[in-house]
C-alpha atoms as a PDB file:
ATOM      1  CA  UNK A   1      36.708 -19.192-183.763  1.00  0.00           C
ATOM      2  CA  UNK A   2      39.573 -16.704-185.074  1.00  0.00           C
ATOM      3  CA  UNK A   3      38.816 -13.708-186.898  1.00  0.00           C
ATOM      4  CA  UNK A   4      40.991 -12.302-189.181  1.00  0.00           C
ATOM      5  CA  UNK A   5      41.762  -8.647-191.245  1.00  0.00           C
ATOM      6  CA  UNK A   6      43.379  -7.670-194.045  1.00  0.00           C
ATOM      7  CA  UNK A   7      44.170  -4.496-194.435  1.00  0.00           C
ATOM      8  CA  UNK A   8      47.337  -2.569-195.944  1.00  0.00           C
ATOM      9  CA  UNK A   9      46.833  -3.644-199.793  1.00  0.00           C
ATOM     10  CA  UNK A  10      46.922  -0.520-202.886  1.00  0.00           C
ATOM     11  CA  UNK A  11      48.066   0.487-206.150  1.00  0.00           C
ATOM     12  CA  UNK A  12      51.509   1.072-206.346  1.00  0.00           C
ATOM     13  CA  UNK A  13      54.096   0.955-209.383  1.00  0.00           C
ATOM     14  CA  UNK A  14      56.254  -2.241-210.181  1.00  0.00           C
ATOM     15  CA  UNK A  15      59.454  -1.280-207.730  1.00  0.00           C
ATOM     16  CA  UNK A  16      57.270  -0.349-205.129  1.00  0.00           C
ATOM     17  CA  UNK A  17      56.778  -1.503-201.008  1.00  0.00           C
ATOM     18  CA  UNK A  18      54.201  -2.309-199.511  1.00  0.00           C
ATOM     19  CA  UNK A  19      53.098  -3.382-195.840  1.00  0.00           C
ATOM     20  CA  UNK A  20      50.150  -5.702-195.690  1.00  0.00           C
ATOM     21  CA  UNK A  21      48.780  -6.343-191.754  1.00  0.00           C
ATOM     22  CA  UNK A  22      46.598  -9.242-190.190  1.00  0.00           C
ATOM     23  CA  UNK A  23      44.490  -8.492-187.753  1.00  0.00           C
ATOM     24  CA  UNK A  24      43.235 -11.662-185.281  1.00  0.00           C
ATOM     25  CA  UNK A  25      40.508 -11.695-182.614  1.00  0.00           C
ATOM     26  CA  UNK A  26      39.695 -14.387-180.526  1.00  0.00           C
ATOM     27  CA  UNK A  27      41.427 -17.200-179.087  1.00  0.00           C
ATOM     28  CA  UNK A  28      45.390 -16.698-178.002  1.00  0.00           C
ATOM     29  CA  UNK A  29      46.879 -15.119-180.830  1.00  0.00           C
ATOM     30  CA  UNK A  30      49.932 -17.084-180.281  1.00  0.00           C
ATOM     31  CA  UNK A  31      48.697 -20.817-180.922  1.00  0.00           C
ATOM     32  CA  UNK A  32      48.076 -20.469-184.224  1.00  0.00           C
ATOM     33  CA  UNK A  33      50.957 -20.962-186.998  1.00  0.00           C
ATOM     34  CA  UNK A  34      49.547 -18.221-189.791  1.00  0.00           C
ATOM     35  CA  UNK A  35      50.427 -17.834-193.097  1.00  0.00           C
ATOM     36  CA  UNK A  36      49.587 -15.291-195.938  1.00  0.00           C
ATOM     37  CA  UNK A  37      47.878 -16.368-199.907  1.00  0.00           C
ATOM     38  CA  UNK A  38      47.212 -14.605-202.719  1.00  0.00           C
ATOM     39  CA  UNK A  39      45.146 -15.283-205.770  1.00  0.00           C
ATOM     40  CA  UNK A  40      44.041 -13.596-209.074  1.00  0.00           C
ATOM     41  CA  UNK A  41      41.041 -14.350-210.922  1.00  0.00           C
ATOM     42  CA  UNK A  42      41.113 -17.539-212.417  1.00  0.00           C
ATOM     43  CA  UNK A  43      43.821 -18.866-210.521  1.00  0.00           C
ATOM     44  CA  UNK A  44      43.967 -20.835-207.656  1.00  0.00           C
ATOM     45  CA  UNK A  45      45.141 -19.547-204.727  1.00  0.00           C
ATOM     46  CA  UNK A  46      49.251 -19.809-204.026  1.00  0.00           C
ATOM     47  CA  UNK A  47      51.256 -19.996-201.042  1.00  0.00           C
ATOM     48  CA  UNK A  48      53.036 -16.840-200.169  1.00  0.00           C
ATOM     49  CA  UNK A  49      54.526 -16.899-196.948  1.00  0.00           C
ATOM     50  CA  UNK A  50      54.349 -18.607-193.447  1.00  0.00           C
ATOM     51  CA  UNK A  51      55.565 -18.200-189.997  1.00  0.00           C
ATOM     52  CA  UNK A  52      55.557 -20.914-187.092  1.00  0.00           C
ATOM     53  CA  UNK A  53      53.302 -19.926-184.038  1.00  0.00           C
ATOM     54  CA  UNK A  54      56.303 -18.381-182.093  1.00  0.00           C
ATOM     55  CA  UNK A  55      57.506 -16.622-185.220  1.00  0.00           C
ATOM     56  CA  UNK A  56      60.909 -18.358-185.302  1.00  0.00           C
ATOM     57  CA  UNK A  57      60.658 -20.856-187.866  1.00  0.00           C
ATOM     58  CA  UNK A  58      58.926 -19.177-191.672  1.00  0.00           C
ATOM     59  CA  UNK A  59      58.940 -20.282-195.354  1.00  0.00           C
ATOM     60  CA  UNK A  60      58.101 -18.730-198.771  1.00  0.00           C
ATOM     61  CA  UNK A  61      56.843 -18.720-201.667  1.00  0.00           C
ATOM     62  CA  UNK A  62      59.701 -19.111-204.751  1.00  0.00           C
ATOM     63  CA  UNK A  63      58.907 -15.867-206.267  1.00  0.00           C
ATOM     64  CA  UNK A  64      59.068 -14.064-202.859  1.00  0.00           C
ATOM     65  CA  UNK A  65      61.898 -15.090-201.587  1.00  0.00           C
ATOM     66  CA  UNK A  66      64.272 -12.641-201.209  1.00  0.00           C
ATOM     67  CA  UNK A  67      61.657  -9.624-201.800  1.00  0.00           C
ATOM     68  CA  UNK A  68      58.928 -10.708-199.206  1.00  0.00           C
ATOM     69  CA  UNK A  69      58.859 -10.591-195.157  1.00  0.00           C
ATOM     70  CA  UNK A  70      56.562 -11.858-193.222  1.00  0.00           C
ATOM     71  CA  UNK A  71      56.728 -11.672-189.082  1.00  0.00           C
ATOM     72  CA  UNK A  72      54.274 -11.084-186.320  1.00  0.00           C
ATOM     73  CA  UNK A  73      53.854  -9.901-182.827  1.00  0.00           C
ATOM     74  CA  UNK A  74      51.942 -12.183-180.759  1.00  0.00           C
ATOM     75  CA  UNK A  75      51.821  -9.012-178.100  1.00  0.00           C
ATOM     76  CA  UNK A  76      49.738  -6.776-180.059  1.00  0.00           C
ATOM     77  CA  UNK A  77      47.487 -10.313-182.677  1.00  0.00           C
ATOM     78  CA  UNK A  78      49.316  -9.022-185.383  1.00  0.00           C
ATOM     79  CA  UNK A  79      50.836 -10.256-188.265  1.00  0.00           C
ATOM     80  CA  UNK A  80      52.579  -8.825-191.464  1.00  0.00           C
ATOM     81  CA  UNK A  81      53.631  -9.141-194.812  1.00  0.00           C
ATOM     82  CA  UNK A  82      56.808  -6.852-196.298  1.00  0.00           C
ATOM     83  CA  UNK A  83      56.644  -6.716-200.263  1.00  0.00           C
ATOM     84  CA  UNK A  84      59.847  -5.027-201.097  1.00  0.00           C
ATOM     85  CA  UNK A  85      60.216  -4.317-205.389  1.00  0.00           C
ATOM     86  CA  UNK A  86      56.881  -5.397-206.412  1.00  0.00           C
ATOM     87  CA  UNK A  87      56.407  -6.519-209.868  1.00  0.00           C
ATOM     88  CA  UNK A  88      53.012  -6.336-211.847  1.00  0.00           C
ATOM     89  CA  UNK A  89      52.909 -10.533-211.215  1.00  0.00           C
ATOM     90  CA  UNK A  90      52.142 -10.048-207.438  1.00  0.00           C
ATOM     91  CA  UNK A  91      48.908  -8.357-208.444  1.00  0.00           C
ATOM     92  CA  UNK A  92      46.661 -10.713-206.811  1.00  0.00           C
ATOM     93  CA  UNK A  93      44.344 -10.221-203.992  1.00  0.00           C
ATOM     94  CA  UNK A  94      46.247 -11.410-200.991  1.00  0.00           C
ATOM     95  CA  UNK A  95      44.354 -13.438-198.137  1.00  0.00           C
ATOM     96  CA  UNK A  96      45.784 -14.650-194.357  1.00  0.00           C
ATOM     97  CA  UNK A  97      44.797 -17.340-192.898  1.00  0.00           C
ATOM     98  CA  UNK A  98      45.806 -19.492-189.567  1.00  0.00           C
ATOM     99  CA  UNK A  99      46.252 -22.812-188.810  1.00  0.00           C
ATOM    100  CA  UNK A 100      44.407 -24.472-185.957  1.00  0.00           C
ATOM    101  CA  UNK A 101      46.052 -24.399-182.249  1.00  0.00           C
ATOM    102  CA  UNK A 102      47.454 -27.893-182.249  1.00  0.00           C
ATOM    103  CA  UNK A 103      49.366 -27.133-184.708  1.00  0.00           C
ATOM    104  CA  UNK A 104      52.539 -25.731-183.953  1.00  0.00           C
ATOM    105  CA  UNK A 105      54.628 -25.688-187.981  1.00  0.00           C
ATOM    106  CA  UNK A 106      53.390 -23.472-190.551  1.00  0.00           C
ATOM    107  CA  UNK A 107      51.307 -24.700-193.575  1.00  0.00           C
ATOM    108  CA  UNK A 108      52.420 -24.411-197.588  1.00  0.00           C
ATOM    109  CA  UNK A 109      48.959 -25.358-198.716  1.00  0.00           C
ATOM    110  CA  UNK A 110      45.250 -24.087-198.176  1.00  0.00           C
ATOM    111  CA  UNK A 111      44.473 -27.590-197.030  1.00  0.00           C
ATOM    112  CA  UNK A 112      46.719 -26.373-193.642  1.00  0.00           C
ATOM    113  CA  UNK A 113      44.318 -23.794-192.986  1.00  0.00           C
ATOM    114  CA  UNK A 114      40.903 -23.360-190.673  1.00  0.00           C
ATOM    115  CA  UNK A 115      40.140 -19.774-190.761  1.00  0.00           C
ATOM    116  CA  UNK A 116      40.522 -16.725-193.334  1.00  0.00           C
ATOM    117  CA  UNK A 117      40.415 -13.621-193.498  1.00  0.00           C
ATOM    118  CA  UNK A 118      38.246 -11.276-196.017  1.00  0.00           C
ATOM    119  CA  UNK A 119      41.434 -10.265-198.176  1.00  0.00           C
ATOM    120  CA  UNK A 120      43.101  -7.156-199.755  1.00  0.00           C
ATOM    121  CA  UNK A 121      43.817  -6.192-203.117  1.00  0.00           C
ATOM    122  CA  UNK A 122      46.779  -4.908-204.405  1.00  0.00           C
ATOM    123  CA  UNK A 123      47.513  -3.729-207.337  1.00  0.00           C
ATOM    124  CA  UNK A 124      50.861  -3.191-209.287  1.00  0.00           C
ATOM    125  CA  UNK A 125      50.956  -1.318-212.549  1.00  0.00           C
ATOM    126  CA  UNK A 126      53.934  -1.644-214.363  1.00  0.00           C
END
């Protein structure tokens, strides 16, 4: 089992930055490829970014490229999402997710992840 806890959300203005953190506990953190997703009321959960087990490979959703940066620190069991130049459309609940251990690569769909955090709210005002 992997337990995930997100933090760092909040209310910001358009153009501001936020850094989300995901703290993992349980098995060896470096064994799990990880991802960030977000969801707004009435909409499907959307892929934001993901990173391989080693941190050497990563991918982003189209609207996040150039603004968001995903990273991880396997020595601290932490994953991060640096979000710059935030827009009102970025308002959502952000979720941290982990794949099962035998997956080396990340995934860009919710079905690729076995473990989920409870989410942290990000609200961007115009």
